[in-house]
Amino acid sequence: MTSIRGIGTYLPERTVGNDELIERFGWDREFLETKLGIHQRHIAAPGEGAADMGVAAAEALFARCPELPRAAVDLLIVCTQNPDYGLPHTSALVQDRLGLPTTTAAFDVGLGCSGFVYALSIARSMLEVLGLEHALIITSDPYSKVIDPSDRGTSPLFGDGAAATWVASTGAGGTIGAFTFGTDGAGARNLIVEPQADGTRCLSMNGRAIFEFMLERIPDDLARCAEANGLAPGAVDLYLLHQASAYMLGYVTKRMKLDPTRVPIHLQDTGNLVSSSIPFLIARLARQGDLAGKTTLLSGFGVGLSWASTVVRFDANPIA
């Protein structure tokens, strides 16, 4: 059974704390730290791109997982919406810099907050249908490249980071179950990067519309995913949701009448890491020893508008 075996993570050195944002925008500290749930975000250095961060995360994974030789990697998926170049694809750069075999299938996936779960579905499908053994999913999205530092709506939310997830056809870890998906392109302009008059590209977000989308779509999809995996809602031990903000996750918890301990929130030191938020959450819980024996439901949702969910049953804590 295809499983998540290990996760490596990377955060840039530079941080932007709440003191800086309070001085810049006059934000209330309680809003940032309680409602958003964020104390600081990591920001990529000038010239530090998606490939740089992804390679650093993968090197951390290889250092922790000597049982995964580079020569064994059959598949490389890089999930990013902010590639280093228009072409070539970022995965080609990552394959070369990591020294992966030239027989490795490598391609990019241009999804955001739902991207990790979509990439899991692709990796599982290719491993099981094509008889491959080891996949590497790299999620790396330096949103700071498209955020206007003077934008009150997006600057407090997003941070930069990358994760490298080892998915294998056999071995202990988290067995990946059935998936559910969704797309509503009618809401595409609610979270979009567009060219500006000065030639730059900046992210704009309709926060209220994104919040309403999340409340309308995600509780139903979580129930649909549990049903697709033959689970009653009470059989899910942990809901590992995209770490959008403490406020949004809190509302999902209330809407579904869940015990808050079943919906972990850990974005205080990173902010919203887009496609990397779920693997970062898994890595944190694995390091704490909190996943072994747990049935979890993963769900990513956001830009597109797009969402995807799956169940992962952990017989052991992944290496992290």
Protein backbone atom coordinates (compact mmCIF):
# COMPACT_ATOMS: atom_id res chain seq x y z
CA MET A 1 0.00 0.00 0.00
CA THR A 2 1.34 3.40 -0.99
CA SER A 3 2.43 5.38 2.07
CA ILE A 4 4.03 8.59 3.31
CA ARG A 5 7.41 7.48 4.66
CA GLY A 6 9.19 10.72 5.56
CA ILE A 7 9.18 14.53 5.30
CA GLY A 8 11.98 17.08 5.17
CA THR A 9 11.28 20.79 5.69
CA TYR A 10 13.02 24.10 5.08
CA LEU A 11 12.35 27.65 6.26
CA PRO A 12 14.30 30.71 5.09
CA GLU A 13 16.44 32.46 7.67
CA ARG A 14 14.80 35.89 7.57
CA THR A 15 11.65 36.36 9.65
CA VAL A 16 9.02 39.08 9.84
CA GLY A 17 7.50 39.27 13.30
CA ASN A 18 4.31 40.89 14.44
CA ASP A 19 6.12 43.90 15.91
CA GLU A 20 7.16 44.90 12.40
CA LEU A 21 3.63 44.53 11.03
CA ILE A 22 2.11 46.41 13.96
CA GLU A 23 4.48 49.29 13.24
CA ARG A 24 3.82 49.12 9.48
CA PHE A 25 0.03 48.79 9.52
CA GLY A 26 -1.14 49.54 13.05
CA TRP A 27 -2.51 46.02 13.43
CA ASP A 28 -3.84 44.92 16.80
CA ARG A 29 -1.56 42.28 18.33
CA GLU A 30 -4.49 40.18 19.49
CA PHE A 31 -5.84 40.05 15.92
CA LEU A 32 -2.53 38.77 14.57
CA GLU A 33 -1.73 36.29 17.31
CA THR A 34 -5.19 35.06 18.30
CA LYS A 35 -7.45 35.48 15.28
CA LEU A 36 -4.86 34.70 12.62
CA GLY A 37 -2.78 32.58 14.99
CA ILE A 38 0.50 33.87 13.54
CA HIS A 39 3.48 35.28 15.44
CA GLN A 40 6.06 35.33 12.64
CA ARG A 41 6.62 34.37 9.00
CA HIS A 42 9.79 33.33 7.18
CA ILE A 43 10.64 35.25 4.01
CA ALA A 44 12.89 34.03 1.20
CA ALA A 45 16.10 35.97 0.67
CA PRO A 46 16.55 38.03 -2.50
CA GLY A 47 17.43 35.58 -5.24
CA GLU A 48 16.20 32.58 -3.23
CA GLY A 49 13.61 30.83 -5.37
CA ALA A 50 11.35 27.79 -5.43
CA ALA A 51 14.15 25.46 -6.56
CA ASP A 52 16.52 26.68 -3.83
CA MET A 53 13.98 26.09 -1.08
CA GLY A 54 12.85 22.77 -2.53
CA VAL A 55 16.40 21.45 -2.80
CA ALA A 56 17.07 22.47 0.82
CA ALA A 57 13.96 20.60 2.00
CA ALA A 58 14.92 17.51 -0.02
CA GLU A 59 18.46 17.54 1.37
CA ALA A 60 16.95 17.59 4.87
CA LEU A 61 14.82 14.58 3.91
CA PHE A 62 17.77 12.61 2.51
CA ALA A 63 19.80 13.39 5.65
CA ARG A 64 17.03 11.93 7.84
CA CYS A 65 16.25 8.97 5.57
CA PRO A 66 19.42 7.10 4.59
CA GLU A 67 17.20 4.18 3.54
CA LEU A 68 16.09 6.37 0.58
CA PRO A 69 19.07 6.54 -1.81
CA ARG A 70 18.85 9.24 -4.46
CA ALA A 71 19.30 6.59 -7.14
CA ALA A 72 16.01 4.97 -6.04
CA VAL A 73 13.80 8.01 -6.79
CA ASP A 74 11.51 7.17 -9.73
CA LEU A 75 9.24 10.21 -9.64
CA LEU A 76 9.69 13.89 -8.75
CA ILE A 77 6.72 16.24 -8.49
CA VAL A 78 7.33 19.90 -7.71
CA CYS A 79 4.24 21.84 -6.64
CA THR A 80 4.66 25.59 -7.05
CA GLN A 81 2.78 28.60 -8.38
CA ASN A 82 5.90 30.76 -8.34
CA PRO A 83 8.46 28.90 -10.48
CA ASP A 84 11.94 30.28 -10.94
CA TYR A 85 11.47 30.61 -14.72
CA GLY A 86 8.69 30.56 -17.28
CA LEU A 87 10.61 27.58 -18.63
CA PRO A 88 12.17 25.12 -17.94
CA HIS A 89 10.01 23.48 -15.31
CA THR A 90 11.36 23.83 -11.77
CA SER A 91 11.45 20.06 -11.30
CA ALA A 92 14.15 19.79 -13.97
CA LEU A 93 16.34 22.19 -11.99
CA VAL A 94 15.66 20.28 -8.77
CA GLN A 95 16.40 16.89 -10.38
CA ASP A 96 19.79 18.09 -11.55
CA ARG A 97 20.78 19.80 -8.32
CA LEU A 98 19.79 16.80 -6.20
CA GLY A 99 21.65 14.39 -8.45
CA LEU A 100 18.57 12.26 -9.09
CA PRO A 101 18.76 9.70 -11.91
CA THR A 102 18.06 10.91 -15.44
CA THR A 103 15.47 8.11 -15.57
CA THR A 104 13.39 10.04 -13.00
CA ALA A 105 10.01 11.27 -14.22
CA ALA A 106 9.89 14.94 -13.21
CA PHE A 107 7.22 17.58 -13.71
CA ASP A 108 5.58 20.57 -12.03
CA VAL A 109 2.06 20.97 -10.66
CA GLY A 110 0.77 24.55 -10.65
CA LEU A 111 -1.61 24.34 -7.70
CA GLY A 112 -1.65 26.27 -4.45
CA CYS A 113 -3.22 25.34 -1.12
CA SER A 114 -4.80 22.15 -2.48
CA GLY A 115 -1.58 21.17 -4.25
CA PHE A 116 -0.10 18.76 -1.72
CA VAL A 117 -3.18 16.55 -1.68
CA TYR A 118 -3.44 16.64 -5.48
CA ALA A 119 0.25 15.71 -5.71
CA LEU A 120 -0.32 12.80 -3.31
CA SER A 121 -3.05 11.51 -5.62
CA ILE A 122 -0.75 11.73 -8.65
CA ALA A 123 2.13 10.03 -6.82
CA ARG A 124 -0.07 7.23 -5.54
CA SER A 125 -1.59 6.69 -8.99
CA MET A 126 1.76 6.58 -10.78
CA LEU A 127 3.37 4.30 -8.21
CA GLU A 128 0.50 1.82 -8.26
CA VAL A 129 -0.31 1.88 -11.99
CA LEU A 130 3.23 2.09 -13.37
CA GLY A 131 4.93 -0.09 -10.76
CA LEU A 132 7.24 2.69 -9.52
CA GLU A 133 8.67 2.47 -5.99
CA HIS A 134 9.72 5.88 -4.69
CA ALA A 135 8.30 9.36 -5.29
CA LEU A 136 9.46 12.72 -4.03
CA ILE A 137 6.85 15.49 -3.70
CA ILE A 138 8.36 18.94 -3.24
CA THR A 139 6.06 21.79 -2.29
CA SER A 140 7.78 25.15 -2.57
CA ASP A 141 5.92 28.42 -3.06
CA PRO A 142 7.72 31.68 -2.21
CA TYR A 143 4.61 33.85 -2.10
CA SER A 144 6.72 36.78 -0.91
CA LYS A 145 7.74 37.20 -4.57
CA VAL A 146 4.18 38.26 -5.45
CA ILE A 147 3.02 39.96 -2.23
CA ASP A 148 3.01 43.75 -2.04
CA PRO A 149 4.62 44.57 1.36
CA SER A 150 2.16 47.46 1.70
CA ASP A 151 -0.89 45.20 1.31
CA ARG A 152 -2.63 44.88 4.68
CA GLY A 153 -4.71 41.94 3.49
CA THR A 154 -1.95 39.52 2.46
CA SER A 155 1.26 40.58 4.22
CA PRO A 156 0.26 39.22 7.65
CA LEU A 157 -0.92 35.84 6.33
CA PHE A 158 1.68 34.22 4.12
CA GLY A 159 5.16 32.90 4.79
CA ASP A 160 7.74 31.11 2.64
CA GLY A 161 8.85 27.52 3.15
CA ALA A 162 9.29 24.20 1.40
CA ALA A 163 8.68 20.55 2.20
CA ALA A 164 9.91 17.33 0.60
CA THR A 165 7.67 14.30 1.12
CA TRP A 166 8.79 10.73 0.45
CA VAL A 167 5.98 8.54 -0.86
CA ALA A 168 6.77 4.83 -1.33
CA SER A 169 5.01 1.76 -2.64
CA THR A 170 5.85 -0.18 0.55
CA GLY A 171 7.02 0.47 4.11
CA ALA A 172 5.82 1.85 7.43
CA GLY A 173 4.28 5.29 7.65
CA GLY A 174 0.94 6.64 6.51
CA THR A 175 -1.13 4.59 4.06
CA ILE A 176 -2.91 6.83 1.55
CA GLY A 177 -6.61 6.18 0.94
CA ALA A 178 -9.27 7.37 -1.49
CA PHE A 179 -9.51 11.00 -2.66
CA THR A 180 -12.19 13.60 -3.26
CA PHE A 181 -11.65 16.72 -5.38
CA GLY A 182 -13.37 19.93 -6.35
CA THR A 183 -12.94 23.01 -8.53
CA ASP A 184 -14.98 26.21 -8.77
CA GLY A 185 -13.29 28.44 -11.33
CA ALA A 186 -16.08 31.00 -10.99
CA GLY A 187 -14.26 32.20 -7.88
CA ALA A 188 -10.85 32.42 -9.52
CA ARG A 189 -10.52 36.19 -9.18
CA ASN A 190 -10.97 36.02 -5.41
CA LEU A 191 -7.33 34.92 -5.07
CA ILE A 192 -5.27 35.93 -8.07
CA VAL A 193 -1.89 37.26 -9.21
CA GLU A 194 -2.15 39.86 -11.98
CA PRO A 195 0.31 42.16 -13.75
CA GLN A 196 0.39 45.70 -12.39
CA ALA A 197 0.89 48.94 -14.30
CA ASP A 198 4.57 49.03 -13.31
CA GLY A 199 5.17 45.53 -14.70
CA THR A 200 5.25 43.74 -11.34
CA ARG A 201 2.93 40.85 -10.49
CA CYS A 202 1.01 41.12 -7.22
CA LEU A 203 -1.32 38.88 -5.27
CA SER A 204 -4.79 40.18 -4.48
CA MET A 205 -7.27 38.41 -2.24
CA ASN A 206 -10.94 38.82 -1.40
CA GLY A 207 -10.69 37.50 2.14
CA ARG A 208 -14.44 37.45 2.79
CA ALA A 209 -15.12 35.47 -0.40
CA ILE A 210 -12.39 32.94 0.43
CA PHE A 211 -13.81 32.51 3.93
CA GLU A 212 -17.32 31.93 2.58
CA PHE A 213 -16.00 29.45 0.00
CA MET A 214 -14.24 27.51 2.75
CA LEU A 215 -17.36 27.32 4.92
CA GLU A 216 -19.58 26.36 1.99
CA ARG A 217 -17.37 23.68 0.43
CA ILE A 218 -14.95 22.15 2.93
CA PRO A 219 -17.20 20.65 5.65
CA ASP A 220 -19.21 18.84 2.95
CA ASP A 221 -16.06 17.59 1.24
CA LEU A 222 -14.61 16.31 4.52
CA ALA A 223 -17.79 14.30 5.05
CA ARG A 224 -17.67 13.10 1.42
CA CYS A 225 -14.04 12.00 1.80
CA ALA A 226 -14.74 10.13 5.04
CA GLU A 227 -17.61 8.32 3.34
CA ALA A 228 -15.44 7.48 0.30
CA ASN A 229 -13.02 5.80 2.70
CA GLY A 230 -15.72 3.91 4.57
CA LEU A 231 -15.37 5.99 7.72
CA ALA A 232 -17.95 7.39 10.09
CA PRO A 233 -17.04 10.96 11.14
CA GLY A 234 -16.17 9.74 14.63
CA ALA A 235 -13.60 7.31 13.20
CA VAL A 236 -11.32 10.17 12.09
CA ASP A 237 -8.80 10.82 14.85
CA LEU A 238 -7.27 13.99 13.40
CA TYR A 239 -8.29 16.46 10.70
CA LEU A 240 -5.06 17.73 9.13
CA LEU A 241 -6.32 20.79 7.28
CA HIS A 242 -4.54 23.42 5.23
CA GLN A 243 -3.26 25.94 7.75
CA ALA A 244 -4.98 29.01 6.31
CA SER A 245 -5.52 30.85 9.61
CA ALA A 246 -6.62 29.98 13.13
CA TYR A 247 -9.84 31.91 12.51
CA MET A 248 -10.81 29.87 9.44
CA LEU A 249 -9.92 26.52 11.00
CA GLY A 250 -11.82 27.45 14.13
CA TYR A 251 -14.96 28.09 12.10
CA VAL A 252 -14.68 24.73 10.32
CA THR A 253 -14.31 23.07 13.70
CA LYS A 254 -17.45 24.78 15.01
CA ARG A 255 -19.44 24.14 11.83
CA MET A 256 -18.66 20.41 12.02
CA LYS A 257 -19.08 20.30 15.81
CA LEU A 258 -15.65 18.74 16.24
CA ASP A 259 -13.52 18.56 19.36
CA PRO A 260 -10.83 21.22 18.74
CA THR A 261 -8.16 18.72 19.80
CA ARG A 262 -8.96 16.77 16.62
CA VAL A 263 -8.12 19.79 14.42
CA PRO A 264 -4.50 20.75 15.19
CA ILE A 265 -3.43 24.31 14.37
CA HIS A 266 0.29 25.02 14.05
CA LEU A 267 1.05 28.10 12.00
CA GLN A 268 2.26 30.48 14.69
CA ASP A 269 5.91 30.29 13.61
CA THR A 270 5.39 30.08 9.84
CA GLY A 271 2.16 31.70 8.69
CA ASN A 272 0.24 30.22 5.76
CA LEU A 273 2.74 28.11 3.77
CA VAL A 274 0.33 27.42 0.88
CA SER A 275 1.02 23.91 -0.52
CA SER A 276 3.58 23.19 2.21
CA SER A 277 1.24 23.77 5.15
CA ILE A 278 -0.06 20.18 5.42
CA PRO A 279 3.34 18.44 5.13
CA PHE A 280 4.74 20.87 7.72
CA LEU A 281 1.84 19.94 10.02
CA ILE A 282 2.44 16.22 9.46
CA ALA A 283 6.17 16.64 10.15
CA ARG A 284 5.52 18.52 13.40
CA LEU A 285 3.06 15.91 14.66
CA ALA A 286 5.40 13.08 13.61
CA ARG A 287 8.28 14.60 15.56
CA GLN A 288 6.00 14.78 18.59
CA GLY A 289 5.07 11.10 18.14
CA ASP A 290 1.40 11.99 17.68
CA LEU A 291 0.54 10.14 14.45
CA ALA A 292 1.26 6.44 14.99
CA GLY A 293 -2.01 4.50 15.17
CA LYS A 294 -4.07 7.50 14.01
CA THR A 295 -6.55 7.76 11.15
CA THR A 296 -6.28 11.25 9.67
CA LEU A 297 -8.21 13.23 7.08
CA LEU A 298 -6.14 15.66 5.02
CA SER A 299 -7.74 18.56 3.14
CA GLY A 300 -6.21 21.40 1.14
CA PHE A 301 -8.31 24.29 -0.18
CA GLY A 302 -7.82 27.72 -1.68
CA VAL A 303 -6.65 29.35 -4.91
CA GLY A 304 -8.49 28.19 -8.00
CA LEU A 305 -10.86 27.90 -6.29
CA SER A 306 -9.77 24.34 -5.63
CA TRP A 307 -9.96 21.67 -2.95
CA ALA A 308 -8.89 18.08 -2.38
CA SER A 309 -9.09 15.63 0.52
CA THR A 310 -7.85 12.16 1.41
CA VAL A 311 -7.55 9.80 4.36
CA VAL A 312 -4.10 8.71 5.60
CA ARG A 313 -3.88 5.90 8.15
CA PHE A 314 -0.60 6.03 10.09
CA ASP A 315 0.75 2.72 11.37
CA ALA A 316 3.95 4.55 12.34
CA ASN A 317 5.18 8.12 12.64
CA PRO A 318 6.82 9.20 9.38
CA ILE A 319 10.48 10.17 9.61
CA ALA A 320 10.63 13.94 10.06
